[in-house]
Amino acid sequence: MRHFDTELKNLRDGIMAMAGIAEDMIELTIQTLAERSSAKADRVNELDRQLDEWELKLDQLCVDLLALHSPAATDLRLIASSLKIIPELERIGDHCCNIARRAPIVNPPVLPEGRLERLGQETRGMVRRAVDAFVGHDAALARAVIQSDDSVDELYGQIYRELLRVMLADPLAIERASHLILVIKNWERIADQATNIAEEVLYILEGRSAKHPYLRGNAAEQ
């Protein structure tokens, strides 16, 4: 195997390793919220450091591949998209840390049982499917991830409005509800990151951007 092919494999393997850590962090974050576990919150922070280390390592690998090998076609798209996927995975870790550190503050909960957990689980599912689309070169799955972002946004909106009603009805719940608003916003941002990863998968596989579809008609008219 050529050195370039070996390095490309190392890049894909590294992204898969980052994705595995990010998925572990999401699962731990869900558990941290459910259990109010400081130990699990600490573990989330430890894993975030691993993600940061991988980000620096893979960023440099991408730069070296571009500078030393002048890749073309599909290989170039893979490297270019990797430079976008890598920070998306790192940001997922940051959002998990933001959620986990608020777990002790949101007790006792002000939401109906299971609502917050459902948002976390739906977000986790999006991330998992986005990673599976990358690993399996699956354009249909990537599109499904992008479409499912609407359901997460809808659930986020429902919880947000419910929290506002709680705050208006009970001033003593304002602090806890405010922290929960930050929690659900971080879940919603993780779902956005999963969508971004899925869009990059489509670019790798099909060679055209899936972003801002409303602009395509304008581009075709020009």
Protein backbone atom coordinates (compact mmCIF):
# COMPACT_ATOMS: atom_id res chain seq x y z
CA MET A 1 0.00 0.00 0.00
CA ARG A 2 1.29 3.44 -0.94
CA HIS A 3 2.19 5.84 1.85
CA PHE A 4 -0.61 8.17 0.73
CA ASP A 5 -3.20 5.39 0.96
CA THR A 6 -1.92 4.46 4.41
CA GLU A 7 -2.26 8.05 5.58
CA LEU A 8 -5.78 8.29 4.16
CA LYS A 9 -6.68 5.15 6.09
CA ASN A 10 -5.17 6.69 9.22
CA LEU A 11 -7.34 9.75 8.67
CA ARG A 12 -10.54 7.72 8.34
CA ASP A 13 -9.59 5.57 11.33
CA GLY A 14 -8.87 8.68 13.39
CA ILE A 15 -12.23 10.22 12.53
CA MET A 16 -13.92 6.96 13.51
CA ALA A 17 -12.02 7.02 16.81
CA MET A 18 -13.16 10.60 17.45
CA ALA A 19 -16.72 9.63 16.59
CA GLY A 20 -16.58 6.74 19.04
CA ILE A 21 -15.42 9.03 21.82
CA ALA A 22 -18.15 11.57 20.96
CA GLU A 23 -20.82 8.87 21.09
CA ASP A 24 -19.50 7.68 24.46
CA MET A 25 -19.66 11.26 25.73
CA ILE A 26 -23.26 11.63 24.61
CA GLU A 27 -24.26 8.41 26.37
CA LEU A 28 -22.44 9.48 29.54
CA THR A 29 -24.08 12.89 29.36
CA ILE A 30 -27.54 11.34 29.19
CA GLN A 31 -26.66 9.20 32.23
CA THR A 32 -25.19 12.19 34.05
CA LEU A 33 -28.45 14.11 33.68
CA ALA A 34 -30.57 11.14 34.72
CA GLU A 35 -28.43 10.24 37.76
CA ARG A 36 -27.01 13.66 38.70
CA SER A 37 -23.65 11.88 38.79
CA SER A 38 -20.61 14.07 39.42
CA ALA A 39 -18.31 11.12 38.68
CA LYS A 40 -19.81 10.67 35.23
CA ALA A 41 -19.64 14.40 34.60
CA ASP A 42 -15.91 14.22 35.38
CA ARG A 43 -15.56 11.34 32.93
CA VAL A 44 -17.23 13.43 30.23
CA ASN A 45 -14.57 16.09 30.78
CA GLU A 46 -11.79 13.50 30.60
CA LEU A 47 -13.07 12.22 27.26
CA ASP A 48 -13.29 15.78 25.96
CA ARG A 49 -9.55 16.09 26.42
CA GLN A 50 -9.09 13.01 24.23
CA LEU A 51 -11.24 14.59 21.53
CA ASP A 52 -9.14 17.76 21.66
CA GLU A 53 -5.96 15.72 21.26
CA TRP A 54 -7.40 13.86 18.27
CA GLU A 55 -8.49 17.12 16.68
CA LEU A 56 -4.97 18.53 16.72
CA LYS A 57 -3.48 15.29 15.43
CA LEU A 58 -5.95 14.87 12.56
CA ASP A 59 -5.84 18.54 11.57
CA GLN A 60 -2.10 18.20 11.06
CA LEU A 61 -2.56 14.95 9.14
CA CYS A 62 -4.98 16.68 6.76
CA VAL A 63 -2.57 19.57 6.21
CA ASP A 64 0.27 17.15 5.50
CA LEU A 65 -1.85 15.18 3.02
CA LEU A 66 -2.76 18.34 1.15
CA ALA A 67 0.75 19.80 1.18
CA LEU A 68 2.75 16.68 0.35
CA HIS A 69 0.55 14.69 -2.01
CA SER A 70 -1.64 17.11 -4.00
CA PRO A 71 -4.65 14.76 -3.93
CA ALA A 72 -7.38 14.97 -6.56
CA ALA A 73 -11.04 14.04 -7.03
CA THR A 74 -12.54 11.84 -4.30
CA ASP A 75 -9.43 11.87 -2.13
CA LEU A 76 -9.39 15.67 -2.13
CA ARG A 77 -13.06 15.78 -1.18
CA LEU A 78 -12.43 13.34 1.67
CA ILE A 79 -9.62 15.47 3.09
CA ALA A 80 -11.48 18.76 2.62
CA SER A 81 -14.59 17.38 4.30
CA SER A 82 -12.53 15.82 7.07
CA LEU A 83 -11.25 19.29 7.94
CA LYS A 84 -14.90 20.19 8.60
CA ILE A 85 -16.03 16.92 10.22
CA ILE A 86 -13.18 16.90 12.76
CA PRO A 87 -14.14 20.21 14.44
CA GLU A 88 -17.81 19.20 14.38
CA LEU A 89 -16.94 16.11 16.44
CA GLU A 90 -14.84 18.24 18.79
CA ARG A 91 -17.74 20.66 19.29
CA ILE A 92 -20.03 17.77 20.16
CA GLY A 93 -17.66 17.07 23.04
CA ASP A 94 -17.79 20.70 24.14
CA HIS A 95 -21.58 20.67 24.19
CA CYS A 96 -21.60 17.45 26.20
CA CYS A 97 -19.36 19.12 28.80
CA ASN A 98 -21.71 22.12 28.91
CA ILE A 99 -24.65 19.83 29.62
CA ALA A 100 -22.88 17.56 32.11
CA ARG A 101 -21.67 20.36 34.34
CA ARG A 102 -25.24 21.60 34.80
CA ALA A 103 -26.62 18.22 35.87
CA PRO A 104 -26.49 18.94 39.64
CA ILE A 105 -28.18 22.32 39.16
CA VAL A 106 -31.29 21.06 37.37
CA ASN A 107 -32.38 18.91 40.33
CA PRO A 108 -35.27 18.59 41.06
CA PRO A 109 -36.47 18.61 37.46
CA VAL A 110 -39.15 21.03 36.28
CA LEU A 111 -40.09 19.04 33.17
CA PRO A 112 -42.37 16.01 32.78
CA GLU A 113 -40.43 12.79 33.27
CA GLY A 114 -38.71 11.52 30.15
CA ARG A 115 -38.96 14.68 28.03
CA LEU A 116 -35.36 15.75 28.49
CA GLU A 117 -34.10 12.18 28.07
CA ARG A 118 -35.99 11.85 24.80
CA LEU A 119 -34.26 14.93 23.38
CA GLY A 120 -30.88 13.47 24.34
CA GLN A 121 -31.70 10.10 22.82
CA GLU A 122 -32.95 11.55 19.54
CA THR A 123 -29.82 13.66 19.30
CA ARG A 124 -27.65 10.64 20.06
CA GLY A 125 -29.43 8.75 17.27
CA MET A 126 -28.65 11.50 14.78
CA VAL A 127 -24.96 11.46 15.66
CA ARG A 128 -24.80 7.67 15.44
CA ARG A 129 -26.48 7.60 12.02
CA ALA A 130 -24.24 10.40 10.72
CA VAL A 131 -21.18 8.41 11.76
CA ASP A 132 -22.62 5.24 10.24
CA ALA A 133 -23.19 7.12 6.98
CA PHE A 134 -19.53 8.18 6.97
CA VAL A 135 -18.26 4.69 7.76
CA GLY A 136 -20.61 2.92 5.35
CA HIS A 137 -20.44 5.44 2.49
CA ASP A 138 -24.23 5.64 2.75
CA ALA A 139 -25.74 8.67 1.03
CA ALA A 140 -29.33 7.64 1.80
CA LEU A 141 -28.58 7.44 5.51
CA ALA A 142 -26.86 10.83 5.40
CA ARG A 143 -30.00 12.34 3.85
CA ALA A 144 -32.13 10.71 6.54
CA VAL A 145 -30.00 12.37 9.22
CA ILE A 146 -30.48 15.78 7.61
CA GLN A 147 -34.25 15.27 7.46
CA SER A 148 -34.46 14.11 11.08
CA ASP A 149 -33.04 17.41 12.31
CA ASP A 150 -36.52 18.90 11.92
CA SER A 151 -37.98 16.53 14.54
CA VAL A 152 -35.24 17.43 17.03
CA ASP A 153 -35.86 21.13 16.38
CA GLU A 154 -39.57 20.60 16.96
CA LEU A 155 -38.98 18.78 20.25
CA TYR A 156 -36.53 21.49 21.33
CA GLY A 157 -39.17 24.14 20.61
CA GLN A 158 -41.81 22.27 22.62
CA ILE A 159 -39.54 21.95 25.66
CA TYR A 160 -38.40 25.57 25.37
CA ARG A 161 -41.98 26.85 25.37
CA GLU A 162 -42.85 24.59 28.27
CA LEU A 163 -39.91 25.93 30.28
CA LEU A 164 -41.04 29.49 29.60
CA ARG A 165 -44.49 28.64 30.95
CA VAL A 166 -42.89 27.11 34.07
CA MET A 167 -40.83 30.27 34.63
CA LEU A 168 -43.89 32.51 34.28
CA ALA A 169 -45.94 30.36 36.65
CA ASP A 170 -43.30 29.88 39.35
CA PRO A 171 -40.58 32.48 39.94
CA LEU A 172 -38.78 30.03 42.23
CA ALA A 173 -38.23 27.74 39.24
CA ILE A 174 -36.61 30.40 37.07
CA GLU A 175 -33.00 29.49 37.89
CA ARG A 176 -33.45 25.77 37.33
CA ALA A 177 -35.48 26.34 34.17
CA SER A 178 -32.81 28.72 32.84
CA HIS A 179 -30.18 26.03 33.22
CA LEU A 180 -32.46 23.56 31.46
CA ILE A 181 -32.85 25.98 28.56
CA LEU A 182 -29.08 25.94 28.21
CA VAL A 183 -29.10 22.14 28.39
CA ILE A 184 -31.64 21.72 25.61
CA LYS A 185 -29.87 24.35 23.48
CA ASN A 186 -26.69 22.30 23.70
CA TRP A 187 -28.59 19.15 22.65
CA GLU A 188 -30.03 21.07 19.71
CA ARG A 189 -26.55 22.22 18.69
CA ILE A 190 -25.27 18.62 18.79
CA ALA A 191 -28.08 17.70 16.39
CA ASP A 192 -26.91 20.53 14.13
CA GLN A 193 -23.40 19.11 14.24
CA ALA A 194 -24.73 15.69 13.21
CA THR A 195 -26.51 17.38 10.30
CA ASN A 196 -23.29 19.13 9.26
CA ILE A 197 -21.40 15.83 9.32
CA ALA A 198 -24.10 14.20 7.18
CA GLU A 199 -23.84 17.06 4.67
CA GLU A 200 -20.09 16.51 4.42
CA VAL A 201 -20.67 12.80 3.85
CA LEU A 202 -22.87 13.68 0.88
CA TYR A 203 -20.17 15.97 -0.46
CA ILE A 204 -17.57 13.22 -0.20
CA LEU A 205 -19.81 10.72 -1.97
CA GLU A 206 -21.48 12.92 -4.58
CA GLY A 207 -19.16 15.86 -5.08
CA ARG A 208 -21.72 18.59 -4.49
CA SER A 209 -22.69 20.55 -1.43
CA ALA A 210 -25.90 19.66 0.41
CA LYS A 211 -25.87 23.00 2.25
CA HIS A 212 -28.37 25.79 1.55
CA PRO A 213 -30.52 23.88 -0.96
CA TYR A 214 -32.68 26.97 -1.49
CA LEU A 215 -29.75 28.58 -3.35
CA ARG A 216 -29.50 25.87 -5.99
CA GLY A 217 -32.40 27.17 -8.02
CA ASN A 218 -30.85 30.64 -8.09
CA ALA A 219 -27.49 29.19 -9.18
CA ALA A 220 -29.15 27.24 -11.99
CA GLU A 221 -30.87 30.37 -13.27
CA GLN A 222 -27.64 32.38 -13.48
